[in-house]
Amino acid sequence: DCIIIANLSGKERASDIILKDRYHRLWALDNDFRLLWT
């Protein structure tokens, strides 16, 4: 649905990615696209 760039890992700069469907779910991924949480 959209792309959100975030700093979930506590690095010097934002490099994590959050993806979502239309209204119900999020997927948080690190810079190597490993799933962090949903």
All heavy atoms as atom14 arrays in JSON, in Angstrom:
{
  "sequence": "DCIIIANLSGKERASDIILKDRYHRLWALDNDFRLLWT",
  "atom14_mask": [
    [1, 1, 1, 1, 1, 1, 1, 1, 0, 0, 0, 0, 0, 0],
    [1, 1, 1, 1, 1, 1, 0, 0, 0, 0, 0, 0, 0, 0],
    [1, 1, 1, 1, 1, 1, 1, 1, 0, 0, 0, 0, 0, 0],
    [1, 1, 1, 1, 1, 1, 1, 1, 0, 0, 0, 0, 0, 0],
    [1, 1, 1, 1, 1, 1, 1, 1, 0, 0, 0, 0, 0, 0],
    [1, 1, 1, 1, 1, 0, 0, 0, 0, 0, 0, 0, 0, 0],
    [1, 1, 1, 1, 1, 1, 1, 1, 0, 0, 0, 0, 0, 0],
    [1, 1, 1, 1, 1, 1, 1, 1, 0, 0, 0, 0, 0, 0],
    [1, 1, 1, 1, 1, 1, 0, 0, 0, 0, 0, 0, 0, 0],
    [1, 1, 1, 1, 0, 0, 0, 0, 0, 0, 0, 0, 0, 0],
    [1, 1, 1, 1, 1, 1, 1, 1, 1, 0, 0, 0, 0, 0],
    [1, 1, 1, 1, 1, 1, 1, 1, 1, 0, 0, 0, 0, 0],
    [1, 1, 1, 1, 1, 1, 1, 1, 1, 1, 1, 0, 0, 0],
    [1, 1, 1, 1, 1, 0, 0, 0, 0, 0, 0, 0, 0, 0],
    [1, 1, 1, 1, 1, 1, 0, 0, 0, 0, 0, 0, 0, 0],
    [1, 1, 1, 1, 1, 1, 1, 1, 0, 0, 0, 0, 0, 0],
    [1, 1, 1, 1, 1, 1, 1, 1, 0, 0, 0, 0, 0, 0],
    [1, 1, 1, 1, 1, 1, 1, 1, 0, 0, 0, 0, 0, 0],
    [1, 1, 1, 1, 1, 1, 1, 1, 0, 0, 0, 0, 0, 0],
    [1, 1, 1, 1, 1, 1, 1, 1, 1, 0, 0, 0, 0, 0],
    [1, 1, 1, 1, 1, 1, 1, 1, 0, 0, 0, 0, 0, 0],
    [1, 1, 1, 1, 1, 1, 1, 1, 1, 1, 1, 0, 0, 0],
    [1, 1, 1, 1, 1, 1, 1, 1, 1, 1, 1, 1, 0, 0],
    [1, 1, 1, 1, 1, 1, 1, 1, 1, 1, 0, 0, 0, 0],
    [1, 1, 1, 1, 1, 1, 1, 1, 1, 1, 1, 0, 0, 0],
    [1, 1, 1, 1, 1, 1, 1, 1, 0, 0, 0, 0, 0, 0],
    [1, 1, 1, 1, 1, 1, 1, 1, 1, 1, 1, 1, 1, 1],
    [1, 1, 1, 1, 1, 0, 0, 0, 0, 0, 0, 0, 0, 0],
    [1, 1, 1, 1, 1, 1, 1, 1, 0, 0, 0, 0, 0, 0],
    [1, 1, 1, 1, 1, 1, 1, 1, 0, 0, 0, 0, 0, 0],
    [1, 1, 1, 1, 1, 1, 1, 1, 0, 0, 0, 0, 0, 0],
    [1, 1, 1, 1, 1, 1, 1, 1, 0, 0, 0, 0, 0, 0],
    [1, 1, 1, 1, 1, 1, 1, 1, 1, 1, 1, 0, 0, 0],
    [1, 1, 1, 1, 1, 1, 1, 1, 1, 1, 1, 0, 0, 0],
    [1, 1, 1, 1, 1, 1, 1, 1, 0, 0, 0, 0, 0, 0],
    [1, 1, 1, 1, 1, 1, 1, 1, 0, 0, 0, 0, 0, 0],
    [1, 1, 1, 1, 1, 1, 1, 1, 1, 1, 1, 1, 1, 1],
    [1, 1, 1, 1, 1, 1, 1, 0, 0, 0, 0, 0, 0, 0]
  ],
  "atom14_positions": [
    [[0.83, -1.21, 0.0], [0.0, 0.0, 0.0], [0.87, 1.26, 0.0], [0.54, 2.24, -0.66], [-0.92, 0.0, 1.21], [-1.83, 1.23, 1.22], [-2.61, 1.37, 0.27], [-1.75, 2.02, 2.16], [0.0, 0.0, 0.0], [0.0, 0.0, 0.0], [0.0, 0.0, 0.0], [0.0, 0.0, 0.0], [0.0, 0.0, 0.0], [0.0, 0.0, 0.0]],
    [[1.94, 1.26, 0.75], [2.85, 2.4, 0.8], [4.17, 1.94, 1.42], [4.28, 0.81, 1.9], [2.25, 3.57, 1.59], [1.9, 3.19, 3.32], [0.0, 0.0, 0.0], [0.0, 0.0, 0.0], [0.0, 0.0, 0.0], [0.0, 0.0, 0.0], [0.0, 0.0, 0.0], [0.0, 0.0, 0.0], [0.0, 0.0, 0.0], [0.0, 0.0, 0.0]],
    [[5.16, 2.81, 1.39], [6.48, 2.52, 1.93], [6.81, 3.57, 2.98], [6.77, 4.77, 2.7], [7.56, 2.53, 0.83], [7.27, 1.45, -0.22], [8.95, 2.34, 1.42], [8.14, 1.53, -1.46], [0.0, 0.0, 0.0], [0.0, 0.0, 0.0], [0.0, 0.0, 0.0], [0.0, 0.0, 0.0], [0.0, 0.0, 0.0], [0.0, 0.0, 0.0]],
    [[7.15, 3.12, 4.2], [7.55, 4.01, 5.28], [8.99, 3.68, 5.66], [9.32, 2.51, 5.89], [6.63, 3.85, 6.51], [5.18, 4.15, 6.15], [7.09, 4.72, 7.66], [4.26, 2.96, 6.24], [0.0, 0.0, 0.0], [0.0, 0.0, 0.0], [0.0, 0.0, 0.0], [0.0, 0.0, 0.0], [0.0, 0.0, 0.0], [0.0, 0.0, 0.0]],
    [[9.84, 4.69, 5.69], [11.26, 4.5, 6.05], [11.43, 4.95, 7.49], [11.03, 6.06, 7.87], [12.16, 5.31, 5.09], [11.99, 4.77, 3.67], [13.61, 5.22, 5.53], [12.38, 5.74, 2.59], [0.0, 0.0, 0.0], [0.0, 0.0, 0.0], [0.0, 0.0, 0.0], [0.0, 0.0, 0.0], [0.0, 0.0, 0.0], [0.0, 0.0, 0.0]],
    [[12.02, 4.09, 8.32], [12.07, 4.33, 9.76], [13.42, 3.94, 10.32], [14.21, 3.23, 9.68], [10.96, 3.5, 10.44], [0.0, 0.0, 0.0], [0.0, 0.0, 0.0], [0.0, 0.0, 0.0], [0.0, 0.0, 0.0], [0.0, 0.0, 0.0], [0.0, 0.0, 0.0], [0.0, 0.0, 0.0], [0.0, 0.0, 0.0], [0.0, 0.0, 0.0]],
    [[13.69, 4.4, 11.54], [14.86, 3.96, 12.3], [14.37, 3.15, 13.49], [14.17, 3.68, 14.57], [15.69, 5.15, 12.75], [17.02, 4.73, 13.37], [17.25, 3.54, 13.59], [17.87, 5.69, 13.65], [0.0, 0.0, 0.0], [0.0, 0.0, 0.0], [0.0, 0.0, 0.0], [0.0, 0.0, 0.0], [0.0, 0.0, 0.0], [0.0, 0.0, 0.0]],
    [[14.15, 1.88, 13.25], [13.71, 0.97, 14.3], [14.88, 0.31, 15.01], [14.74, -0.18, 16.13], [12.81, -0.12, 13.71], [11.59, 0.37, 12.91], [10.88, -0.81, 12.27], [10.64, 1.16, 13.79], [0.0, 0.0, 0.0], [0.0, 0.0, 0.0], [0.0, 0.0, 0.0], [0.0, 0.0, 0.0], [0.0, 0.0, 0.0], [0.0, 0.0, 0.0]],
    [[16.04, 0.3, 14.36], [17.21, -0.43, 14.85], [18.15, 0.42, 15.69], [19.12, -0.09, 16.24], [17.99, -1.01, 13.67], [17.16, -1.83, 12.85], [0.0, 0.0, 0.0], [0.0, 0.0, 0.0], [0.0, 0.0, 0.0], [0.0, 0.0, 0.0], [0.0, 0.0, 0.0], [0.0, 0.0, 0.0], [0.0, 0.0, 0.0], [0.0, 0.0, 0.0]],
    [[17.9, 1.73, 15.78], [18.75, 2.59, 16.58], [20.08, 2.93, 15.93], [21.05, 3.24, 16.62], [0.0, 0.0, 0.0], [0.0, 0.0, 0.0], [0.0, 0.0, 0.0], [0.0, 0.0, 0.0], [0.0, 0.0, 0.0], [0.0, 0.0, 0.0], [0.0, 0.0, 0.0], [0.0, 0.0, 0.0], [0.0, 0.0, 0.0], [0.0, 0.0, 0.0]],
    [[20.13, 2.9, 14.59], [21.36, 3.25, 13.89], [21.46, 4.77, 13.75], [20.59, 5.52, 14.17], [21.37, 2.58, 12.52], [21.37, 1.06, 12.6], [21.36, 0.43, 11.2], [21.35, -1.08, 11.3], [21.3, -1.73, 9.96], [0.0, 0.0, 0.0], [0.0, 0.0, 0.0], [0.0, 0.0, 0.0], [0.0, 0.0, 0.0], [0.0, 0.0, 0.0]],
    [[22.55, 5.23, 13.13], [22.76, 6.67, 12.99], [21.73, 7.3, 12.05], [21.47, 8.49, 12.14], [24.17, 6.95, 12.47], [25.27, 6.64, 13.48], [26.63, 7.08, 13.0], [26.71, 7.66, 11.89], [27.61, 6.85, 13.72], [0.0, 0.0, 0.0], [0.0, 0.0, 0.0], [0.0, 0.0, 0.0], [0.0, 0.0, 0.0], [0.0, 0.0, 0.0]],
    [[21.18, 6.52, 11.15], [20.23, 7.05, 10.18], [19.14, 6.02, 9.92], [19.33, 4.82, 10.16], [20.92, 7.43, 8.86], [21.65, 6.27, 8.22], [22.56, 6.73, 7.09], [21.85, 7.48, 6.08], [21.14, 6.92, 5.09], [21.04, 5.59, 5.01], [20.54, 7.66, 4.19], [0.0, 0.0, 0.0], [0.0, 0.0, 0.0], [0.0, 0.0, 0.0]],
    [[18.01, 6.48, 9.44], [16.9, 5.58, 9.15], [17.26, 4.65, 8.0], [17.67, 5.12, 6.94], [15.65, 6.38, 8.8], [0.0, 0.0, 0.0], [0.0, 0.0, 0.0], [0.0, 0.0, 0.0], [0.0, 0.0, 0.0], [0.0, 0.0, 0.0], [0.0, 0.0, 0.0], [0.0, 0.0, 0.0], [0.0, 0.0, 0.0], [0.0, 0.0, 0.0]],
    [[17.12, 3.34, 8.19], [17.41, 2.39, 7.12], [16.5, 1.17, 7.18], [16.72, 0.19, 6.47], [18.87, 1.94, 7.19], [19.16, 1.32, 8.42], [0.0, 0.0, 0.0], [0.0, 0.0, 0.0], [0.0, 0.0, 0.0], [0.0, 0.0, 0.0], [0.0, 0.0, 0.0], [0.0, 0.0, 0.0], [0.0, 0.0, 0.0], [0.0, 0.0, 0.0]],
    [[15.48, 1.23, 8.04], [14.5, 0.14, 8.1], [13.27, 0.52, 7.27], [13.05, 1.7, 6.96], [14.08, -0.12, 9.55], [15.26, -0.45, 10.44], [16.01, -1.38, 10.1], [15.45, 0.24, 11.46], [0.0, 0.0, 0.0], [0.0, 0.0, 0.0], [0.0, 0.0, 0.0], [0.0, 0.0, 0.0], [0.0, 0.0, 0.0], [0.0, 0.0, 0.0]],
    [[12.48, -0.46, 6.92], [11.35, -0.25, 6.02], [10.1, -0.87, 6.62], [10.14, -1.99, 7.15], [11.63, -0.87, 4.63], [12.77, -0.1, 3.94], [10.38, -0.88, 3.76], [13.32, -0.79, 2.73], [0.0, 0.0, 0.0], [0.0, 0.0, 0.0], [0.0, 0.0, 0.0], [0.0, 0.0, 0.0], [0.0, 0.0, 0.0], [0.0, 0.0, 0.0]],
    [[9.0, -0.13, 6.57], [7.7, -0.66, 6.97], [6.81, -0.69, 5.74], [6.69, 0.31, 5.02], [7.06, 0.22, 8.07], [7.94, 0.22, 9.33], [5.66, -0.29, 8.41], [7.46, 1.19, 10.4], [0.0, 0.0, 0.0], [0.0, 0.0, 0.0], [0.0, 0.0, 0.0], [0.0, 0.0, 0.0], [0.0, 0.0, 0.0], [0.0, 0.0, 0.0]],
    [[6.2, -1.84, 5.5], [5.22, -2.0, 4.44], [3.86, -2.3, 5.08], [3.78, -2.75, 6.22], [5.61, -3.16, 3.51], [6.95, -3.04, 2.79], [7.24, -4.31, 1.98], [6.98, -1.81, 1.88], [0.0, 0.0, 0.0], [0.0, 0.0, 0.0], [0.0, 0.0, 0.0], [0.0, 0.0, 0.0], [0.0, 0.0, 0.0], [0.0, 0.0, 0.0]],
    [[2.78, -2.03, 4.34], [1.45, -2.29, 4.89], [0.5, -2.7, 3.78], [0.77, -2.48, 2.6], [0.91, -1.05, 5.61], [0.65, 0.15, 4.71], [0.14, 1.36, 5.5], [-1.28, 1.26, 5.95], [-2.27, 1.42, 4.85], [0.0, 0.0, 0.0], [0.0, 0.0, 0.0], [0.0, 0.0, 0.0], [0.0, 0.0, 0.0], [0.0, 0.0, 0.0]],
    [[-0.59, -3.34, 4.18], [-1.68, -3.57, 3.24], [-2.64, -2.39, 3.34], [-2.29, -1.34, 3.9], [-2.35, -4.93, 3.48], [-3.06, -5.04, 4.82], [-3.19, -4.02, 5.54], [-3.52, -6.14, 5.16], [0.0, 0.0, 0.0], [0.0, 0.0, 0.0], [0.0, 0.0, 0.0], [0.0, 0.0, 0.0], [0.0, 0.0, 0.0], [0.0, 0.0, 0.0]],
    [[-3.82, -2.49, 2.82], [-4.69, -1.31, 2.71], [-5.06, -0.75, 4.07], [-4.96, 0.45, 4.29], [-5.94, -1.69, 1.91], [-6.79, -0.49, 1.49], [-6.13, 0.31, 0.39], [-7.02, 1.35, -0.14], [-6.9, 2.65, 0.12], [-5.96, 3.08, 0.92], [-7.75, 3.52, -0.41], [0.0, 0.0, 0.0], [0.0, 0.0, 0.0], [0.0, 0.0, 0.0]],
    [[-5.5, -1.6, 5.02], [-6.02, -1.05, 6.26], [-5.68, -1.83, 7.53], [-5.99, -1.34, 8.63], [-7.55, -0.96, 6.19], [-8.06, 0.17, 5.33], [-8.81, -0.1, 4.18], [-7.82, 1.5, 5.65], [-9.3, 0.92, 3.39], [-8.3, 2.53, 4.87], [-9.04, 2.24, 3.74], [-9.51, 3.26, 2.96], [0.0, 0.0, 0.0], [0.0, 0.0, 0.0]],
    [[-5.06, -3.01, 7.44], [-5.06, -3.88, 8.62], [-3.7, -4.34, 9.12], [-3.56, -4.62, 10.31], [-5.92, -5.12, 8.33], [-7.32, -4.81, 7.92], [-8.24, -4.22, 8.77], [-7.97, -4.97, 6.73], [-9.39, -4.06, 8.14], [-9.25, -4.49, 6.9], [0.0, 0.0, 0.0], [0.0, 0.0, 0.0], [0.0, 0.0, 0.0], [0.0, 0.0, 0.0]],
    [[-2.67, -4.45, 8.27], [-1.42, -5.09, 8.69], [-0.19, -4.28, 8.31], [-0.17, -3.6, 7.27], [-1.32, -6.49, 8.07], [-2.36, -7.48, 8.56], [-2.26, -8.8, 7.83], [-2.62, -8.65, 6.41], [-2.46, -9.59, 5.48], [-1.91, -10.75, 5.82], [-2.83, -9.38, 4.23], [0.0, 0.0, 0.0], [0.0, 0.0, 0.0], [0.0, 0.0, 0.0]],
    [[0.83, -4.4, 9.18], [2.15, -3.82, 8.91], [3.21, -4.92, 8.97], [3.08, -5.88, 9.72], [2.52, -2.78, 9.99], [1.67, -1.54, 10.2], [2.29, -0.71, 11.31], [1.55, -0.74, 8.93], [0.0, 0.0, 0.0], [0.0, 0.0, 0.0], [0.0, 0.0, 0.0], [0.0, 0.0, 0.0], [0.0, 0.0, 0.0], [0.0, 0.0, 0.0]],
    [[4.26, -4.72, 8.17], [5.44, -5.58, 8.22], [6.66, -4.67, 8.35], [6.89, -3.81, 7.49], [5.57, -6.42, 6.95], [4.48, -7.42, 6.77], [4.52, -8.74, 7.11], [3.19, -7.21, 6.17], [3.33, -9.36, 6.78], [2.5, -8.45, 6.2], [2.56, -6.1, 5.61], [1.22, -8.59, 5.7], [1.27, -6.22, 5.12], [0.62, -7.46, 5.17]],
    [[7.45, -4.86, 9.42], [8.67, -4.08, 9.62], [9.87, -4.93, 9.23], [10.0, -6.09, 9.66], [8.78, -3.64, 11.08], [0.0, 0.0, 0.0], [0.0, 0.0, 0.0], [0.0, 0.0, 0.0], [0.0, 0.0, 0.0], [0.0, 0.0, 0.0], [0.0, 0.0, 0.0], [0.0, 0.0, 0.0], [0.0, 0.0, 0.0], [0.0, 0.0, 0.0]],
    [[10.75, -4.35, 8.41], [11.91, -5.08, 7.89], [13.17, -4.25, 8.07], [13.14, -3.02, 8.02], [11.71, -5.39, 6.4], [10.41, -6.11, 6.05], [9.54, -5.23, 5.16], [10.67, -7.44, 5.38], [0.0, 0.0, 0.0], [0.0, 0.0, 0.0], [0.0, 0.0, 0.0], [0.0, 0.0, 0.0], [0.0, 0.0, 0.0], [0.0, 0.0, 0.0]],
    [[14.3, -4.93, 8.26], [15.56, -4.2, 8.38], [16.14, -3.93, 6.99], [15.52, -4.24, 5.96], [16.55, -4.94, 9.28], [17.08, -6.25, 8.7], [16.87, -6.52, 7.5], [17.73, -6.99, 9.45], [0.0, 0.0, 0.0], [0.0, 0.0, 0.0], [0.0, 0.0, 0.0], [0.0, 0.0, 0.0], [0.0, 0.0, 0.0], [0.0, 0.0, 0.0]],
    [[17.34, -3.37, 6.96], [17.95, -2.96, 5.7], [18.23, -4.14, 4.77], [18.32, -3.95, 3.55], [19.25, -2.2, 6.0], [19.86, -1.6, 4.76], [20.9, -2.06, 4.3], [19.22, -0.59, 4.2], [0.0, 0.0, 0.0], [0.0, 0.0, 0.0], [0.0, 0.0, 0.0], [0.0, 0.0, 0.0], [0.0, 0.0, 0.0], [0.0, 0.0, 0.0]],
    [[18.35, -5.32, 5.32], [18.57, -6.52, 4.5], [17.27, -7.25, 4.21], [17.27, -8.38, 3.73], [19.56, -7.46, 5.19], [20.94, -6.86, 5.29], [21.43, -6.32, 4.27], [21.54, -6.9, 6.38], [0.0, 0.0, 0.0], [0.0, 0.0, 0.0], [0.0, 0.0, 0.0], [0.0, 0.0, 0.0], [0.0, 0.0, 0.0], [0.0, 0.0, 0.0]],
    [[16.15, -6.61, 4.51], [14.81, -7.12, 4.27], [14.46, -8.34, 5.12], [13.64, -9.16, 4.75], [14.59, -7.41, 2.78], [13.41, -6.66, 2.21], [13.43, -5.29, 2.12], [12.26, -7.32, 1.78], [12.34, -4.58, 1.62], [11.18, -6.63, 1.27], [11.22, -5.26, 1.19], [0.0, 0.0, 0.0], [0.0, 0.0, 0.0], [0.0, 0.0, 0.0]],
    [[15.11, -8.43, 6.27], [14.74, -9.47, 7.24], [13.57, -8.95, 8.07], [13.57, -7.81, 8.53], [15.92, -9.81, 8.14], [17.07, -10.51, 7.42], [18.19, -10.84, 8.38], [18.78, -9.63, 8.93], [20.09, -9.35, 8.88], [20.93, -10.18, 8.3], [20.55, -8.24, 9.42], [0.0, 0.0, 0.0], [0.0, 0.0, 0.0], [0.0, 0.0, 0.0]],
    [[12.59, -9.8, 8.27], [11.38, -9.41, 8.99], [11.71, -9.17, 10.46], [12.28, -10.02, 11.14], [10.32, -10.5, 8.87], [8.96, -10.19, 9.51], [8.28, -9.03, 8.78], [8.06, -11.44, 9.48], [0.0, 0.0, 0.0], [0.0, 0.0, 0.0], [0.0, 0.0, 0.0], [0.0, 0.0, 0.0], [0.0, 0.0, 0.0], [0.0, 0.0, 0.0]],
    [[11.36, -7.98, 10.97], [11.56, -7.64, 12.37], [10.33, -7.95, 13.2], [10.42, -8.53, 14.28], [11.91, -6.15, 12.5], [13.19, -5.69, 11.8], [13.33, -4.17, 11.88], [14.41, -6.37, 12.42], [0.0, 0.0, 0.0], [0.0, 0.0, 0.0], [0.0, 0.0, 0.0], [0.0, 0.0, 0.0], [0.0, 0.0, 0.0], [0.0, 0.0, 0.0]],
    [[9.17, -7.53, 12.71], [7.92, -7.79, 13.41], [6.74, -7.49, 12.49], [6.92, -6.87, 11.43], [7.79, -7.01, 14.72], [8.12, -5.54, 14.68], [9.31, -4.96, 15.0], [7.25, -4.46, 14.31], [9.24, -3.59, 14.85], [7.99, -3.25, 14.43], [5.92, -4.38, 13.89], [7.45, -1.99, 14.14], [5.37, -3.14, 13.59], [6.14, -1.96, 13.73]],
    [[5.58, -7.93, 12.9], [4.34, -7.62, 12.19], [3.33, -7.05, 13.19], [3.49, -7.2, 14.41], [3.72, -8.86, 11.52], [3.41, -9.83, 12.53], [4.71, -9.48, 10.53], [0.0, 0.0, 0.0], [0.0, 0.0, 0.0], [0.0, 0.0, 0.0], [0.0, 0.0, 0.0], [0.0, 0.0, 0.0], [0.0, 0.0, 0.0], [0.0, 0.0, 0.0]]
  ]
}
